């Protein structure tokens, strides 16, 4: 397997992890905003 294909696979996997983590962060922000608004 050429090293470029291996590198591309690693970058693709890392990107998917980053996208999942970003989605979790935005969900947490939305949840905390909702809770803050309900507290007022």
PDB file of N, CA and C in Angstrom:
ATOM      1  N   UNK A   1       0.858  -1.188   0.000  1.00  0.00           N
ATOM      2  CA  UNK A   1       0.000   0.000   0.000  1.00  0.00           C
ATOM      3  C   UNK A   1       0.896   1.241   0.000  1.00  0.00           C
ATOM      4  N   UNK A   2       0.706   2.127  -0.952  1.00  0.00           N
ATOM      5  CA  UNK A   2       1.532   3.350  -0.999  1.00  0.00           C
ATOM      6  C   UNK A   2       1.310   4.220   0.243  1.00  0.00           C
ATOM      7  N   UNK A   3       2.346   4.883   0.641  1.00  0.00           N
ATOM      8  CA  UNK A   3       2.293   5.723   1.842  1.00  0.00           C
ATOM      9  C   UNK A   3       1.279   6.860   1.683  1.00  0.00           C
ATOM     10  N   UNK A   4       1.064   7.348   0.465  1.00  0.00           N
ATOM     11  CA  UNK A   4       0.114   8.453   0.277  1.00  0.00           C
ATOM     12  C   UNK A   4      -1.320   8.001   0.568  1.00  0.00           C
ATOM     13  N   UNK A   5      -1.644   6.770   0.214  1.00  0.00           N
ATOM     14  CA  UNK A   5      -2.990   6.256   0.492  1.00  0.00           C
ATOM     15  C   UNK A   5      -3.170   6.077   1.995  1.00  0.00           C
ATOM     16  N   UNK A   6      -2.140   5.582   2.649  1.00  0.00           N
ATOM     17  CA  UNK A   6      -2.197   5.418   4.105  1.00  0.00           C
ATOM     18  C   UNK A   6      -2.368   6.774   4.799  1.00  0.00           C
ATOM     19  N   UNK A   7      -1.625   7.773   4.335  1.00  0.00           N
ATOM     20  CA  UNK A   7      -1.738   9.114   4.906  1.00  0.00           C
ATOM     21  C   UNK A   7      -3.117   9.712   4.683  1.00  0.00           C
ATOM     22  N   UNK A   8      -3.661   9.515   3.486  1.00  0.00           N
ATOM     23  CA  UNK A   8      -4.998  10.032   3.189  1.00  0.00           C
ATOM     24  C   UNK A   8      -6.038   9.369   4.081  1.00  0.00           C
ATOM     25  N   UNK A   9      -5.888   8.071   4.306  1.00  0.00           N
ATOM     26  CA  UNK A   9      -6.828   7.369   5.183  1.00  0.00           C
ATOM     27  C   UNK A   9      -6.755   7.918   6.607  1.00  0.00           C
ATOM     28  N   UNK A  10      -5.538   8.176   7.088  1.00  0.00           N
ATOM     29  CA  UNK A  10      -5.380   8.730   8.443  1.00  0.00           C
ATOM     30  C   UNK A  10      -6.021  10.113   8.551  1.00  0.00           C
ATOM     31  N   UNK A  11      -5.822  10.947   7.527  1.00  0.00           N
ATOM     32  CA  UNK A  11      -6.426  12.285   7.551  1.00  0.00           C
ATOM     33  C   UNK A  11      -7.940  12.221   7.515  1.00  0.00           C
ATOM     34  N   UNK A  12      -8.480  11.306   6.718  1.00  0.00           N
ATOM     35  CA  UNK A  12      -9.929  11.152   6.639  1.00  0.00           C
ATOM     36  C   UNK A  12     -10.502  10.704   7.982  1.00  0.00           C
ATOM     37  N   UNK A  13      -9.836   9.752   8.626  1.00  0.00           N
ATOM     38  CA  UNK A  13     -10.291   9.278   9.931  1.00  0.00           C
ATOM     39  C   UNK A  13     -10.229  10.399  10.967  1.00  0.00           C
ATOM     40  N   UNK A  14      -9.159  11.177  10.942  1.00  0.00           N
ATOM     41  CA  UNK A  14      -9.017  12.287  11.891  1.00  0.00           C
ATOM     42  C   UNK A  14     -10.112  13.325  11.656  1.00  0.00           C
ATOM     43  N   UNK A  15     -10.415  13.592  10.388  1.00  0.00           N
ATOM     44  CA  UNK A  15     -11.462  14.579  10.081  1.00  0.00           C
ATOM     45  C   UNK A  15     -12.807  14.125  10.616  1.00  0.00           C
ATOM     46  N   UNK A  16     -13.117  12.847  10.485  1.00  0.00           N
ATOM     47  CA  UNK A  16     -14.392  12.338  10.994  1.00  0.00           C
ATOM     48  C   UNK A  16     -14.468  12.489  12.511  1.00  0.00           C
ATOM     49  N   UNK A  17     -13.359  12.227  13.199  1.00  0.00           N
ATOM     50  CA  UNK A  17     -13.340  12.399  14.658  1.00  0.00           C
ATOM     51  C   UNK A  17     -13.551  13.866  15.028  1.00  0.00           C
ATOM     52  N   UNK A  18     -12.904  14.753  14.304  1.00  0.00           N
ATOM     53  CA  UNK A  18     -13.046  16.185  14.589  1.00  0.00           C
ATOM     54  C   UNK A  18     -14.482  16.642  14.359  1.00  0.00           C
ATOM     55  N   UNK A  19     -15.106  16.157  13.282  1.00  0.00           N
ATOM     56  CA  UNK A  19     -16.490  16.544  13.010  1.00  0.00           C
ATOM     57  C   UNK A  19     -17.425  16.054  14.111  1.00  0.00           C
ATOM     58  N   UNK A  20     -17.201  14.824  14.599  1.00  0.00           N
ATOM     59  CA  UNK A  20     -18.038  14.307  15.690  1.00  0.00           C
ATOM     60  C   UNK A  20     -17.847  15.135  16.960  1.00  0.00           C
ATOM     61  N   UNK A  21     -16.588  15.459  17.270  1.00  0.00           N
ATOM     62  CA  UNK A  21     -16.322  16.260  18.466  1.00  0.00           C
ATOM     63  C   UNK A  21     -16.942  17.649  18.351  1.00  0.00           C
ATOM     64  N   UNK A  22     -16.866  18.243  17.179  1.00  0.00           N
ATOM     65  CA  UNK A  22     -17.463  19.565  16.963  1.00  0.00           C
ATOM     66  C   UNK A  22     -18.973  19.514  17.148  1.00  0.00           C
ATOM     67  N   UNK A  23     -19.591  18.469  16.642  1.00  0.00           N
ATOM     68  CA  UNK A  23     -21.044  18.324  16.811  1.00  0.00           C
ATOM     69  C   UNK A  23     -21.398  18.210  18.290  1.00  0.00           C
ATOM     70  N   UNK A  24     -20.599  17.463  19.052  1.00  0.00           N
ATOM     71  CA  UNK A  24     -20.858  17.337  20.499  1.00  0.00           C
ATOM     72  C   UNK A  24     -20.721  18.681  21.201  1.00  0.00           C
ATOM     73  N   UNK A  25     -19.736  19.473  20.796  1.00  0.00           N
ATOM     74  CA  UNK A  25     -19.531  20.783  21.421  1.00  0.00           C
ATOM     75  C   UNK A  25     -20.730  21.688  21.142  1.00  0.00           C
ATOM     76  N   UNK A  26     -21.195  21.723  19.883  1.00  0.00           N
ATOM     77  CA  UNK A  26     -22.350  22.555  19.552  1.00  0.00           C
ATOM     78  C   UNK A  26     -23.610  22.090  20.272  1.00  0.00           C
ATOM     79  N   UNK A  27     -23.772  20.781  20.436  1.00  0.00           N
ATOM     80  CA  UNK A  27     -24.922  20.271  21.186  1.00  0.00           C
ATOM     81  C   UNK A  27     -24.855  20.721  22.640  1.00  0.00           C
ATOM     82  N   UNK A  28     -23.670  20.678  23.220  1.00  0.00           N
ATOM     83  CA  UNK A  28     -23.512  21.110  24.609  1.00  0.00           C
ATOM     84  C   UNK A  28     -23.803  22.605  24.754  1.00  0.00           C
ATOM     85  N   UNK A  29     -23.366  23.405  23.800  1.00  0.00           N
ATOM     86  CA  UNK A  29     -23.631  24.848  23.845  1.00  0.00           C
ATOM     87  C   UNK A  29     -25.127  25.110  23.722  1.00  0.00           C
ATOM     88  N   UNK A  30     -25.789  24.413  22.795  1.00  0.00           N
ATOM     89  CA  UNK A  30     -27.230  24.607  22.621  1.00  0.00           C
ATOM     90  C   UNK A  30     -27.979  24.189  23.878  1.00  0.00           C
ATOM     91  N   UNK A  31     -27.561  23.089  24.487  1.00  0.00           N
ATOM     92  CA  UNK A  31     -28.210  22.605  25.708  1.00  0.00           C
ATOM     93  C   UNK A  31     -28.034  23.615  26.843  1.00  0.00           C
ATOM     94  N   UNK A  32     -26.821  24.141  26.994  1.00  0.00           N
ATOM     95  CA  UNK A  32     -26.581  25.088  28.087  1.00  0.00           C
ATOM     96  C   UNK A  32     -27.333  26.400  27.860  1.00  0.00           C
ATOM     97  N   UNK A  33     -27.453  26.833  26.607  1.00  0.00           N
ATOM     98  CA  UNK A  33     -28.236  28.047  26.323  1.00  0.00           C
ATOM     99  C   UNK A  33     -29.702  27.836  26.665  1.00  0.00           C
ATOM    100  N   UNK A  34     -30.215  26.672  26.315  1.00  0.00           N
ATOM    101  CA  UNK A  34     -31.619  26.369  26.622  1.00  0.00           C
ATOM    102  C   UNK A  34     -31.840  26.356  28.124  1.00  0.00           C
ATOM    103  N   UNK A  35     -30.940  25.732  28.856  1.00  0.00           N
ATOM    104  CA  UNK A  35     -31.072  25.676  30.314  1.00  0.00           C
ATOM    105  C   UNK A  35     -30.949  27.070  30.924  1.00  0.00           C
ATOM    106  N   UNK A  36     -30.061  27.894  30.378  1.00  0.00           N
ATOM    107  CA  UNK A  36     -29.886  29.250  30.893  1.00  0.00           C
ATOM    108  C   UNK A  36     -31.151  30.087  30.659  1.00  0.00           C
ATOM    109  N   UNK A  37     -31.767  29.899  29.505  1.00  0.00           N
ATOM    110  CA  UNK A  37     -32.996  30.660  29.201  1.00  0.00           C
ATOM    111  C   UNK A  37     -34.148  30.193  30.074  1.00  0.00           C
ATOM    112  N   UNK A  38     -34.199  28.897  30.371  1.00  0.00           N
ATOM    113  CA  UNK A  38     -35.271  28.384  31.223  1.00  0.00           C
ATOM    114  C   UNK A  38     -35.087  28.833  32.664  1.00  0.00           C
ATOM    115  N   UNK A  39     -33.841  29.074  33.060  1.00  0.00           N
ATOM    116  CA  UNK A  39     -33.569  29.503  34.429  1.00  0.00           C
ATOM    117  C   UNK A  39     -34.008  30.951  34.659  1.00  0.00           C
ATOM    118  N   UNK A  40     -34.082  31.724  33.577  1.00  0.00           N
ATOM    119  CA  UNK A  40     -34.447  33.153  33.749  1.00  0.00           C
ATOM    120  C   UNK A  40     -35.891  33.341  33.971  1.00  0.00           C
TER     121      UNK A  40
END
